[in-house]
Structures are given as structure tokens and as C-alpha cells.
Amino acid sequence: MINQYEIYTVNLDPTIGHEIKKSRPCVVISPDEMNHSIATIMIAPMTTKSRKYPTRVEIRFKGKAGCIVLDQIRTIDKRRIVKRIGSLTSPKILEVKGVIREMLVD
């Protein structure tokens, strides 16, 4: 069962242009009603190579500093998931929600 704010290794290839490539950690952004009912989920990729942007949330995960790249949210088929590797802490969840709200709602 895939849940919101869990982190999975996801195979993002093939990609085009400036889309984030290869297998990498991604945060599940979609709500559990979607995650538990249909064959697709919404994810935000994570990267260790990033500049500070207002659409990115800094994170330390598995000993590495990086960012959750909320400007590259995408919908993927669940078959792209490789394995579960963790989940966000409550403070990071609030930070992610705030950035999404700023980007898409306000």
C-alpha cells in the first residue's frame, strides 16, 4: 500500500529535456484516496544537485543534503516504483504542504 508523504525509489526514465532523470527518491504527493484506488500516483522527485528555489524544500535524507523538487511534480504509473525507502517527518510534511499551497492555490 502506497501512502502520501512516503519516499520511494522511482524509475523516471525515459524523460525529455529538463525533466529529472533516472531512478531516484521521490515523495508521494497524491492523497491516499487516489493512492489506494487507481493505478497512478503523483510524486515529487528529490535531488542532491539543486539551487535554492522557492518551489524546492531542503531535506536531509539518508545522510545526504538535497531538495524535494516540487516544480517537477508528475503523475506516474505505480509500476515505476522500485521500493519504499522512508517517509517525511511531520515538519517536512508541513513545509511541503505550504510550498504546494503557495504554488497552486494562493
PDB file of N, CA and C in Angstrom:
ATOM      1  N   MET A   1       0.841  -1.176   0.000  1.00  0.00           N
ATOM      2  CA  MET A   1       0.000   0.000   0.000  1.00  0.00           C
ATOM      3  C   MET A   1       0.891   1.246   0.000  1.00  0.00           C
ATOM      4  N   ILE A   2       0.671   2.108  -0.944  1.00  0.00           N
ATOM      5  CA  ILE A   2       1.439   3.353  -1.088  1.00  0.00           C
ATOM      6  C   ILE A   2       0.689   4.465  -0.371  1.00  0.00           C
ATOM      7  N   ASN A   3       1.408   5.232   0.457  1.00  0.00           N
ATOM      8  CA  ASN A   3       0.781   6.294   1.237  1.00  0.00           C
ATOM      9  C   ASN A   3       1.425   7.645   0.964  1.00  0.00           C
ATOM     10  N   GLN A   4       0.617   8.689   1.136  1.00  0.00           N
ATOM     11  CA  GLN A   4       1.077  10.052   0.947  1.00  0.00           C
ATOM     12  C   GLN A   4       2.246  10.354   1.889  1.00  0.00           C
ATOM     13  N   TYR A   5       3.209  11.065   1.373  1.00  0.00           N
ATOM     14  CA  TYR A   5       4.420  11.522   2.069  1.00  0.00           C
ATOM     15  C   TYR A   5       5.415  10.402   2.384  1.00  0.00           C
ATOM     16  N   GLU A   6       5.219   9.233   1.803  1.00  0.00           N
ATOM     17  CA  GLU A   6       6.264   8.203   1.853  1.00  0.00           C
ATOM     18  C   GLU A   6       7.255   8.501   0.734  1.00  0.00           C
ATOM     19  N   ILE A   7       8.469   7.971   0.890  1.00  0.00           N
ATOM     20  CA  ILE A   7       9.521   8.172  -0.106  1.00  0.00           C
ATOM     21  C   ILE A   7       9.836   6.823  -0.741  1.00  0.00           C
ATOM     22  N   TYR A   8       9.854   6.800  -2.064  1.00  0.00           N
ATOM     23  CA  TYR A   8      10.126   5.584  -2.828  1.00  0.00           C
ATOM     24  C   TYR A   8      11.232   5.849  -3.828  1.00  0.00           C
ATOM     25  N   THR A   9      11.989   4.819  -4.154  1.00  0.00           N
ATOM     26  CA  THR A   9      12.858   4.887  -5.314  1.00  0.00           C
ATOM     27  C   THR A   9      11.949   4.666  -6.518  1.00  0.00           C
ATOM     28  N   VAL A  10      12.047   5.579  -7.489  1.00  0.00           N
ATOM     29  CA  VAL A  10      11.182   5.542  -8.669  1.00  0.00           C
ATOM     30  C   VAL A  10      12.050   5.641  -9.915  1.00  0.00           C
ATOM     31  N   ASN A  11      11.744   4.836 -10.920  1.00  0.00           N
ATOM     32  CA  ASN A  11      12.439   4.903 -12.205  1.00  0.00           C
ATOM     33  C   ASN A  11      11.730   5.943 -13.073  1.00  0.00           C
ATOM     34  N   LEU A  12      12.354   7.097 -13.269  1.00  0.00           N
ATOM     35  CA  LEU A  12      11.731   8.199 -14.004  1.00  0.00           C
ATOM     36  C   LEU A  12      12.022   8.180 -15.500  1.00  0.00           C
ATOM     37  N   ASP A  13      12.891   7.279 -15.969  1.00  0.00           N
ATOM     38  CA  ASP A  13      13.229   7.233 -17.395  1.00  0.00           C
ATOM     39  C   ASP A  13      12.134   6.505 -18.177  1.00  0.00           C
ATOM     40  N   PRO A  14      11.868   6.877 -19.412  1.00  0.00           N
ATOM     41  CA  PRO A  14      12.527   7.912 -20.209  1.00  0.00           C
ATOM     42  C   PRO A  14      12.001   9.304 -19.871  1.00  0.00           C
ATOM     43  N   THR A  15      12.855  10.292 -20.119  1.00  0.00           N
ATOM     44  CA  THR A  15      12.488  11.686 -19.885  1.00  0.00           C
ATOM     45  C   THR A  15      12.817  12.497 -21.128  1.00  0.00           C
ATOM     46  N   ILE A  16      12.367  13.741 -21.126  1.00  0.00           N
ATOM     47  CA  ILE A  16      12.629  14.659 -22.234  1.00  0.00           C
ATOM     48  C   ILE A  16      13.134  15.977 -21.652  1.00  0.00           C
ATOM     49  N   GLY A  17      14.100  16.581 -22.311  1.00  0.00           N
ATOM     50  CA  GLY A  17      14.549  17.927 -21.954  1.00  0.00           C
ATOM     51  C   GLY A  17      15.063  18.053 -20.533  1.00  0.00           C
ATOM     52  N   HIS A  18      14.476  18.961 -19.765  1.00  0.00           N
ATOM     53  CA  HIS A  18      14.958  19.289 -18.427  1.00  0.00           C
ATOM     54  C   HIS A  18      14.275  18.495 -17.321  1.00  0.00           C
ATOM     55  N   GLU A  19      13.489  17.486 -17.678  1.00  0.00           N
ATOM     56  CA  GLU A  19      12.859  16.654 -16.650  1.00  0.00           C
ATOM     57  C   GLU A  19      13.946  15.903 -15.883  1.00  0.00           C
ATOM     58  N   ILE A  20      13.713  15.705 -14.594  1.00  0.00           N
ATOM     59  CA  ILE A  20      14.666  14.956 -13.767  1.00  0.00           C
ATOM     60  C   ILE A  20      14.662  13.501 -14.206  1.00  0.00           C
ATOM     61  N   LYS A  21      15.874  12.952 -14.363  1.00  0.00           N
ATOM     62  CA  LYS A  21      16.055  11.631 -14.963  1.00  0.00           C
ATOM     63  C   LYS A  21      16.422  10.561 -13.935  1.00  0.00           C
ATOM     64  N   LYS A  22      16.499   9.364 -14.389  1.00  0.00           N
ATOM     65  CA  LYS A  22      16.998   8.143 -13.762  1.00  0.00           C
ATOM     66  C   LYS A  22      16.183   7.701 -12.552  1.00  0.00           C
ATOM     67  N   SER A  23      16.603   6.635 -11.907  1.00  0.00           N
ATOM     68  CA  SER A  23      15.955   6.155 -10.685  1.00  0.00           C
ATOM     69  C   SER A  23      16.449   7.007  -9.527  1.00  0.00           C
ATOM     70  N   ARG A  24      15.491   7.505  -8.740  1.00  0.00           N
ATOM     71  CA  ARG A  24      15.854   8.385  -7.635  1.00  0.00           C
ATOM     72  C   ARG A  24      14.740   8.385  -6.608  1.00  0.00           C
ATOM     73  N   PRO A  25      15.042   8.883  -5.401  1.00  0.00           N
ATOM     74  CA  PRO A  25      13.993   9.003  -4.385  1.00  0.00           C
ATOM     75  C   PRO A  25      12.939  10.021  -4.820  1.00  0.00           C
ATOM     76  N   CYS A  26      11.683   9.694  -4.546  1.00  0.00           N
ATOM     77  CA  CYS A  26      10.571  10.591  -4.847  1.00  0.00           C
ATOM     78  C   CYS A  26       9.575  10.540  -3.694  1.00  0.00           C
ATOM     79  N   VAL A  27       8.969  11.680  -3.406  1.00  0.00           N
ATOM     80  CA  VAL A  27       7.960  11.783  -2.360  1.00  0.00           C
ATOM     81  C   VAL A  27       6.582  11.643  -3.004  1.00  0.00           C
ATOM     82  N   VAL A  28       5.742  10.791  -2.426  1.00  0.00           N
ATOM     83  CA  VAL A  28       4.365  10.655  -2.905  1.00  0.00           C
ATOM     84  C   VAL A  28       3.581  11.874  -2.409  1.00  0.00           C
ATOM     85  N   ILE A  29       3.011  12.617  -3.340  1.00  0.00           N
ATOM     86  CA  ILE A  29       2.275  13.838  -3.041  1.00  0.00           C
ATOM     87  C   ILE A  29       0.760  13.601  -3.073  1.00  0.00           C
ATOM     88  N   SER A  30       0.331  12.666  -3.882  1.00  0.00           N
ATOM     89  CA  SER A  30      -1.106  12.437  -4.059  1.00  0.00           C
ATOM     90  C   SER A  30      -1.755  11.928  -2.778  1.00  0.00           C
ATOM     91  N   PRO A  31      -3.052  12.246  -2.592  1.00  0.00           N
ATOM     92  CA  PRO A  31      -3.755  11.820  -1.384  1.00  0.00           C
ATOM     93  C   PRO A  31      -4.000  10.310  -1.382  1.00  0.00           C
ATOM     94  N   ASP A  32      -4.151   9.752  -0.185  1.00  0.00           N
ATOM     95  CA  ASP A  32      -4.324   8.305  -0.057  1.00  0.00           C
ATOM     96  C   ASP A  32      -5.560   7.784  -0.784  1.00  0.00           C
ATOM     97  N   GLU A  33      -6.618   8.588  -0.908  1.00  0.00           N
ATOM     98  CA  GLU A  33      -7.804   8.156  -1.652  1.00  0.00           C
ATOM     99  C   GLU A  33      -7.416   7.798  -3.087  1.00  0.00           C
ATOM    100  N   MET A  34      -6.533   8.577  -3.668  1.00  0.00           N
ATOM    101  CA  MET A  34      -6.032   8.309  -5.018  1.00  0.00           C
ATOM    102  C   MET A  34      -5.040   7.142  -4.993  1.00  0.00           C
ATOM    103  N   ASN A  35      -4.107   7.192  -4.039  1.00  0.00           N
ATOM    104  CA  ASN A  35      -3.049   6.176  -3.976  1.00  0.00           C
ATOM    105  C   ASN A  35      -3.605   4.769  -3.811  1.00  0.00           C
ATOM    106  N   HIS A  36      -4.715   4.625  -3.102  1.00  0.00           N
ATOM    107  CA  HIS A  36      -5.272   3.313  -2.799  1.00  0.00           C
ATOM    108  C   HIS A  36      -6.311   2.863  -3.814  1.00  0.00           C
ATOM    109  N   SER A  37      -6.679   3.731  -4.775  1.00  0.00           N
ATOM    110  CA  SER A  37      -7.798   3.410  -5.656  1.00  0.00           C
ATOM    111  C   SER A  37      -7.451   3.272  -7.130  1.00  0.00           C
ATOM    112  N   ILE A  38      -6.447   4.015  -7.604  1.00  0.00           N
ATOM    113  CA  ILE A  38      -6.143   3.977  -9.033  1.00  0.00           C
ATOM    114  C   ILE A  38      -4.682   3.593  -9.260  1.00  0.00           C
ATOM    115  N   ALA A  39      -4.338   3.343 -10.507  1.00  0.00           N
ATOM    116  CA  ALA A  39      -3.021   2.801 -10.849  1.00  0.00           C
ATOM    117  C   ALA A  39      -1.926   3.850 -10.983  1.00  0.00           C
ATOM    118  N   THR A  40      -2.261   5.122 -10.747  1.00  0.00           N
ATOM    119  CA  THR A  40      -1.263   6.177 -10.843  1.00  0.00           C
ATOM    120  C   THR A  40      -1.154   6.920  -9.514  1.00  0.00           C
ATOM    121  N   ILE A  41       0.002   7.557  -9.314  1.00  0.00           N
ATOM    122  CA  ILE A  41       0.237   8.393  -8.138  1.00  0.00           C
ATOM    123  C   ILE A  41       0.966   9.653  -8.589  1.00  0.00           C
ATOM    124  N   MET A  42       0.872  10.687  -7.781  1.00  0.00           N
ATOM    125  CA  MET A  42       1.613  11.923  -8.043  1.00  0.00           C
ATOM    126  C   MET A  42       2.837  11.955  -7.143  1.00  0.00           C
ATOM    127  N   ILE A  43       3.978  12.279  -7.738  1.00  0.00           N
ATOM    128  CA  ILE A  43       5.242  12.286  -6.994  1.00  0.00           C
ATOM    129  C   ILE A  43       5.995  13.587  -7.228  1.00  0.00           C
ATOM    130  N   ALA A  44       6.894  13.885  -6.304  1.00  0.00           N
ATOM    131  CA  ALA A  44       7.863  14.965  -6.477  1.00  0.00           C
ATOM    132  C   ALA A  44       9.246  14.349  -6.333  1.00  0.00           C
ATOM    133  N   PRO A  45      10.099  14.474  -7.353  1.00  0.00           N
ATOM    134  CA  PRO A  45      11.433  13.890  -7.262  1.00  0.00           C
ATOM    135  C   PRO A  45      12.311  14.620  -6.242  1.00  0.00           C
ATOM    136  N   MET A  46      13.321  13.930  -5.780  1.00  0.00           N
ATOM    137  CA  MET A  46      14.313  14.503  -4.870  1.00  0.00           C
ATOM    138  C   MET A  46      15.657  14.514  -5.592  1.00  0.00           C
ATOM    139  N   THR A  47      16.480  15.484  -5.251  1.00  0.00           N
ATOM    140  CA  THR A  47      17.801  15.568  -5.864  1.00  0.00           C
ATOM    141  C   THR A  47      18.805  16.123  -4.865  1.00  0.00           C
ATOM    142  N   THR A  48      20.058  15.760  -5.045  1.00  0.00           N
ATOM    143  CA  THR A  48      21.126  16.335  -4.220  1.00  0.00           C
ATOM    144  C   THR A  48      21.783  17.499  -4.946  1.00  0.00           C
ATOM    145  N   LYS A  49      21.462  17.676  -6.237  1.00  0.00           N
ATOM    146  CA  LYS A  49      22.052  18.762  -7.027  1.00  0.00           C
ATOM    147  C   LYS A  49      20.958  19.774  -7.330  1.00  0.00           C
ATOM    148  N   SER A  50      20.918  20.826  -6.539  1.00  0.00           N
ATOM    149  CA  SER A  50      19.857  21.808  -6.722  1.00  0.00           C
ATOM    150  C   SER A  50      20.299  23.171  -6.231  1.00  0.00           C
ATOM    151  N   ARG A  51      19.701  24.179  -6.815  1.00  0.00           N
ATOM    152  CA  ARG A  51      19.852  25.545  -6.312  1.00  0.00           C
ATOM    153  C   ARG A  51      18.670  25.835  -5.410  1.00  0.00           C
ATOM    154  N   LYS A  52      18.797  26.876  -4.622  1.00  0.00           N
ATOM    155  CA  LYS A  52      17.671  27.298  -3.786  1.00  0.00           C
ATOM    156  C   LYS A  52      16.633  27.971  -4.673  1.00  0.00           C
ATOM    157  N   TYR A  53      15.438  27.413  -4.703  1.00  0.00           N
ATOM    158  CA  TYR A  53      14.294  27.994  -5.392  1.00  0.00           C
ATOM    159  C   TYR A  53      13.126  27.967  -4.423  1.00  0.00           C
ATOM    160  N   PRO A  54      12.174  28.873  -4.568  1.00  0.00           N
ATOM    161  CA  PRO A  54      11.025  28.866  -3.662  1.00  0.00           C
ATOM    162  C   PRO A  54      10.139  27.634  -3.816  1.00  0.00           C
ATOM    163  N   THR A  55      10.311  26.905  -4.922  1.00  0.00           N
ATOM    164  CA  THR A  55       9.489  25.707  -5.168  1.00  0.00           C
ATOM    165  C   THR A  55      10.187  24.422  -4.718  1.00  0.00           C
ATOM    166  N   ARG A  56      11.258  24.550  -3.967  1.00  0.00           N
ATOM    167  CA  ARG A  56      12.014  23.380  -3.511  1.00  0.00           C
ATOM    168  C   ARG A  56      12.131  23.390  -1.990  1.00  0.00           C
ATOM    169  N   VAL A  57      12.015  22.220  -1.412  1.00  0.00           N
ATOM    170  CA  VAL A  57      12.093  22.062   0.045  1.00  0.00           C
ATOM    171  C   VAL A  57      13.393  21.338   0.366  1.00  0.00           C
ATOM    172  N   GLU A  58      14.246  22.004   1.137  1.00  0.00           N
ATOM    173  CA  GLU A  58      15.510  21.373   1.530  1.00  0.00           C
ATOM    174  C   GLU A  58      15.235  20.229   2.490  1.00  0.00           C
ATOM    175  N   ILE A  59      16.016  19.157   2.339  1.00  0.00           N
ATOM    176  CA  ILE A  59      15.819  17.966   3.169  1.00  0.00           C
ATOM    177  C   ILE A  59      17.155  17.268   3.360  1.00  0.00           C
ATOM    178  N   ARG A  60      17.287  16.611   4.478  1.00  0.00           N
ATOM    179  CA  ARG A  60      18.425  15.718   4.718  1.00  0.00           C
ATOM    180  C   ARG A  60      17.818  14.334   4.799  1.00  0.00           C
ATOM    181  N   PHE A  61      18.232  13.438   3.885  1.00  0.00           N
ATOM    182  CA  PHE A  61      17.658  12.103   3.807  1.00  0.00           C
ATOM    183  C   PHE A  61      18.770  11.088   3.594  1.00  0.00           C
ATOM    184  N   LYS A  62      18.802  10.087   4.454  1.00  0.00           N
ATOM    185  CA  LYS A  62      19.840   9.040   4.393  1.00  0.00           C
ATOM    186  C   LYS A  62      21.236   9.650   4.379  1.00  0.00           C
ATOM    187  N   GLY A  63      21.440  10.680   5.215  1.00  0.00           N
ATOM    188  CA  GLY A  63      22.751  11.289   5.375  1.00  0.00           C
ATOM    189  C   GLY A  63      23.164  12.258   4.291  1.00  0.00           C
ATOM    190  N   LYS A  64      22.273  12.530   3.326  1.00  0.00           N
ATOM    191  CA  LYS A  64      22.623  13.438   2.234  1.00  0.00           C
ATOM    192  C   LYS A  64      21.709  14.659   2.252  1.00  0.00           C
ATOM    193  N   ALA A  65      22.292  15.804   1.965  1.00  0.00           N
ATOM    194  CA  ALA A  65      21.509  17.034   1.834  1.00  0.00           C
ATOM    195  C   ALA A  65      20.972  17.118   0.416  1.00  0.00           C
ATOM    196  N   GLY A  66      19.729  17.535   0.299  1.00  0.00           N
ATOM    197  CA  GLY A  66      19.124  17.648  -1.018  1.00  0.00           C
ATOM    198  C   GLY A  66      17.858  18.459  -0.967  1.00  0.00           C
ATOM    199  N   CYS A  67      17.043  18.310  -2.008  1.00  0.00           N
ATOM    200  CA  CYS A  67      15.792  19.045  -2.118  1.00  0.00           C
ATOM    201  C   CYS A  67      14.688  18.149  -2.665  1.00  0.00           C
ATOM    202  N   ILE A  68      13.473  18.455  -2.221  1.00  0.00           N
ATOM    203  CA  ILE A  68      12.274  17.901  -2.845  1.00  0.00           C
ATOM    204  C   ILE A  68      11.892  18.916  -3.916  1.00  0.00           C
ATOM    205  N   VAL A  69      11.817  18.477  -5.158  1.00  0.00           N
ATOM    206  CA  VAL A  69      11.647  19.373  -6.300  1.00  0.00           C
ATOM    207  C   VAL A  69      10.153  19.466  -6.651  1.00  0.00           C
ATOM    208  N   LEU A  70       9.465  20.378  -5.986  1.00  0.00           N
ATOM    209  CA  LEU A  70       8.021  20.493  -6.173  1.00  0.00           C
ATOM    210  C   LEU A  70       7.643  21.167  -7.487  1.00  0.00           C
ATOM    211  N   ASP A  71       8.604  21.776  -8.180  1.00  0.00           N
ATOM    212  CA  ASP A  71       8.320  22.320  -9.502  1.00  0.00           C
ATOM    213  C   ASP A  71       8.368  21.242 -10.585  1.00  0.00           C
ATOM    214  N   GLN A  72       8.633  19.984 -10.181  1.00  0.00           N
ATOM    215  CA  GLN A  72       8.624  18.879 -11.139  1.00  0.00           C
ATOM    216  C   GLN A  72       7.677  17.765 -10.696  1.00  0.00           C
ATOM    217  N   ILE A  73       6.588  18.142 -10.030  1.00  0.00           N
ATOM    218  CA  ILE A  73       5.564  17.149  -9.678  1.00  0.00           C
ATOM    219  C   ILE A  73       5.060  16.501 -10.963  1.00  0.00           C
ATOM    220  N   ARG A  74       4.888  15.186 -10.910  1.00  0.00           N
ATOM    221  CA  ARG A  74       4.341  14.476 -12.074  1.00  0.00           C
ATOM    222  C   ARG A  74       3.525  13.282 -11.632  1.00  0.00           C
ATOM    223  N   THR A  75       2.676  12.838 -12.512  1.00  0.00           N
ATOM    224  CA  THR A  75       1.878  11.638 -12.269  1.00  0.00           C
ATOM    225  C   THR A  75       2.577  10.473 -12.955  1.00  0.00           C
ATOM    226  N   ILE A  76       2.721   9.383 -12.224  1.00  0.00           N
ATOM    227  CA  ILE A  76       3.387   8.198 -12.767  1.00  0.00           C
ATOM    228  C   ILE A  76       2.525   6.963 -12.541  1.00  0.00           C
ATOM    229  N   ASP A  77       2.757   5.956 -13.331  1.00  0.00           N
ATOM    230  CA  ASP A  77       2.153   4.647 -13.101  1.00  0.00           C
ATOM    231  C   ASP A  77       2.888   4.000 -11.936  1.00  0.00           C
ATOM    232  N   LYS A  78       2.162   3.293 -11.094  1.00  0.00           N
ATOM    233  CA  LYS A  78       2.780   2.650  -9.926  1.00  0.00           C
ATOM    234  C   LYS A  78       3.843   1.634 -10.316  1.00  0.00           C
ATOM    235  N   ARG A  79       3.814   1.156 -11.558  1.00  0.00           N
ATOM    236  CA  ARG A  79       4.831   0.184 -11.994  1.00  0.00           C
ATOM    237  C   ARG A  79       6.226   0.793 -12.063  1.00  0.00           C
ATOM    238  N   ARG A  80       6.341   2.113 -12.015  1.00  0.00           N
ATOM    239  CA  ARG A  80       7.663   2.764 -11.989  1.00  0.00           C
ATOM    240  C   ARG A  80       8.328   2.675 -10.616  1.00  0.00           C
ATOM    241  N   ILE A  81       7.572   2.324  -9.582  1.00  0.00           N
ATOM    242  CA  ILE A  81       8.113   2.255  -8.219  1.00  0.00           C
ATOM    243  C   ILE A  81       9.049   1.064  -8.091  1.00  0.00           C
ATOM    244  N   VAL A  82      10.215   1.305  -7.507  1.00  0.00           N
ATOM    245  CA  VAL A  82      11.197   0.248  -7.268  1.00  0.00           C
ATOM    246  C   VAL A  82      11.041  -0.283  -5.841  1.00  0.00           C
ATOM    247  N   LYS A  83      11.107   0.619  -4.838  1.00  0.00           N
ATOM    248  CA  LYS A  83      10.933   0.183  -3.450  1.00  0.00           C
ATOM    249  C   LYS A  83      10.712   1.372  -2.529  1.00  0.00           C
ATOM    250  N   ARG A  84      10.100   1.087  -1.375  1.00  0.00           N
ATOM    251  CA  ARG A  84       9.889   2.113  -0.339  1.00  0.00           C
ATOM    252  C   ARG A  84      11.193   2.282   0.428  1.00  0.00           C
ATOM    253  N   ILE A  85      11.577   3.560   0.669  1.00  0.00           N
ATOM    254  CA  ILE A  85      12.850   3.799   1.371  1.00  0.00           C
ATOM    255  C   ILE A  85      12.711   4.732   2.567  1.00  0.00           C
ATOM    256  N   GLY A  86      11.493   5.215   2.848  1.00  0.00           N
ATOM    257  CA  GLY A  86      11.331   6.087   4.010  1.00  0.00           C
ATOM    258  C   GLY A  86      10.058   6.892   3.950  1.00  0.00           C
ATOM    259  N   SER A  87      10.016   7.923   4.775  1.00  0.00           N
ATOM    260  CA  SER A  87       8.869   8.833   4.776  1.00  0.00           C
ATOM    261  C   SER A  87       9.315  10.190   5.322  1.00  0.00           C
ATOM    262  N   LEU A  88       8.516  11.207   5.045  1.00  0.00           N
ATOM    263  CA  LEU A  88       8.826  12.551   5.533  1.00  0.00           C
ATOM    264  C   LEU A  88       8.453  12.682   7.000  1.00  0.00           C
ATOM    265  N   THR A  89       9.160  13.548   7.702  1.00  0.00           N
ATOM    266  CA  THR A  89       8.813  13.889   9.082  1.00  0.00           C
ATOM    267  C   THR A  89       7.651  14.885   9.055  1.00  0.00           C
ATOM    268  N   SER A  90       6.966  15.014  10.176  1.00  0.00           N
ATOM    269  CA  SER A  90       5.842  15.961  10.261  1.00  0.00           C
ATOM    270  C   SER A  90       6.235  17.396   9.891  1.00  0.00           C
ATOM    271  N   PRO A  91       7.381  17.909  10.390  1.00  0.00           N
ATOM    272  CA  PRO A  91       7.752  19.277   9.982  1.00  0.00           C
ATOM    273  C   PRO A  91       7.968  19.421   8.474  1.00  0.00           C
ATOM    274  N   LYS A  92       8.548  18.412   7.830  1.00  0.00           N
ATOM    275  CA  LYS A  92       8.774  18.477   6.377  1.00  0.00           C
ATOM    276  C   LYS A  92       7.453  18.382   5.631  1.00  0.00           C
ATOM    277  N   ILE A  93       6.513  17.576   6.139  1.00  0.00           N
ATOM    278  CA  ILE A  93       5.190  17.490   5.514  1.00  0.00           C
ATOM    279  C   ILE A  93       4.539  18.870   5.504  1.00  0.00           C
ATOM    280  N   LEU A  94       4.599  19.575   6.624  1.00  0.00           N
ATOM    281  CA  LEU A  94       4.015  20.915   6.700  1.00  0.00           C
ATOM    282  C   LEU A  94       4.694  21.879   5.723  1.00  0.00           C
ATOM    283  N   GLU A  95       6.001  21.745   5.593  1.00  0.00           N
ATOM    284  CA  GLU A  95       6.751  22.600   4.672  1.00  0.00           C
ATOM    285  C   GLU A  95       6.349  22.318   3.222  1.00  0.00           C
ATOM    286  N   VAL A  96       6.247  21.031   2.875  1.00  0.00           N
ATOM    287  CA  VAL A  96       5.820  20.638   1.527  1.00  0.00           C
ATOM    288  C   VAL A  96       4.418  21.163   1.242  1.00  0.00           C
ATOM    289  N   LYS A  97       3.498  20.981   2.192  1.00  0.00           N
ATOM    290  CA  LYS A  97       2.125  21.469   2.013  1.00  0.00           C
ATOM    291  C   LYS A  97       2.113  22.982   1.793  1.00  0.00           C
ATOM    292  N   GLY A  98       2.934  23.708   2.539  1.00  0.00           N
ATOM    293  CA  GLY A  98       2.997  25.157   2.391  1.00  0.00           C
ATOM    294  C   GLY A  98       3.462  25.584   1.020  1.00  0.00           C
ATOM    295  N   VAL A  99       4.487  24.912   0.502  1.00  0.00           N
ATOM    296  CA  VAL A  99       5.005  25.269  -0.829  1.00  0.00           C
ATOM    297  C   VAL A  99       3.971  24.918  -1.897  1.00  0.00           C
ATOM    298  N   ILE A 100       3.339  23.758  -1.797  1.00  0.00           N
ATOM    299  CA  ILE A 100       2.301  23.386  -2.771  1.00  0.00           C
ATOM    300  C   ILE A 100       1.162  24.389  -2.729  1.00  0.00           C
ATOM    301  N   ARG A 101       0.733  24.769  -1.549  1.00  0.00           N
ATOM    302  CA  ARG A 101      -0.336  25.761  -1.401  1.00  0.00           C
ATOM    303  C   ARG A 101       0.060  27.076  -2.078  1.00  0.00           C
ATOM    304  N   GLU A 102       1.287  27.517  -1.824  1.00  0.00           N
ATOM    305  CA  GLU A 102       1.794  28.756  -2.428  1.00  0.00           C
ATOM    306  C   GLU A 102       1.842  28.644  -3.955  1.00  0.00           C
ATOM    307  N   MET A 103       2.266  27.493  -4.465  1.00  0.00           N
ATOM    308  CA  MET A 103       2.399  27.293  -5.914  1.00  0.00           C
ATOM    309  C   MET A 103       1.050  27.198  -6.618  1.00  0.00           C
ATOM    310  N   LEU A 104       0.132  26.450  -6.022  1.00  0.00           N
ATOM    311  CA  LEU A 104      -1.055  26.048  -6.773  1.00  0.00           C
ATOM    312  C   LEU A 104      -2.378  26.611  -6.291  1.00  0.00           C
ATOM    313  N   VAL A 105      -2.413  27.117  -5.061  1.00  0.00           N
ATOM    314  CA  VAL A 105      -3.699  27.547  -4.509  1.00  0.00           C
ATOM    315  C   VAL A 105      -3.765  29.053  -4.339  1.00  0.00           C
ATOM    316  N   ASP A 106      -2.789  29.635  -3.667  1.00  0.00           N
ATOM    317  CA  ASP A 106      -2.850  31.068  -3.367  1.00  0.00           C
ATOM    318  C   ASP A 106      -2.616  31.934  -4.603  1.00  0.00           C
TER     319      ASP A 106
END
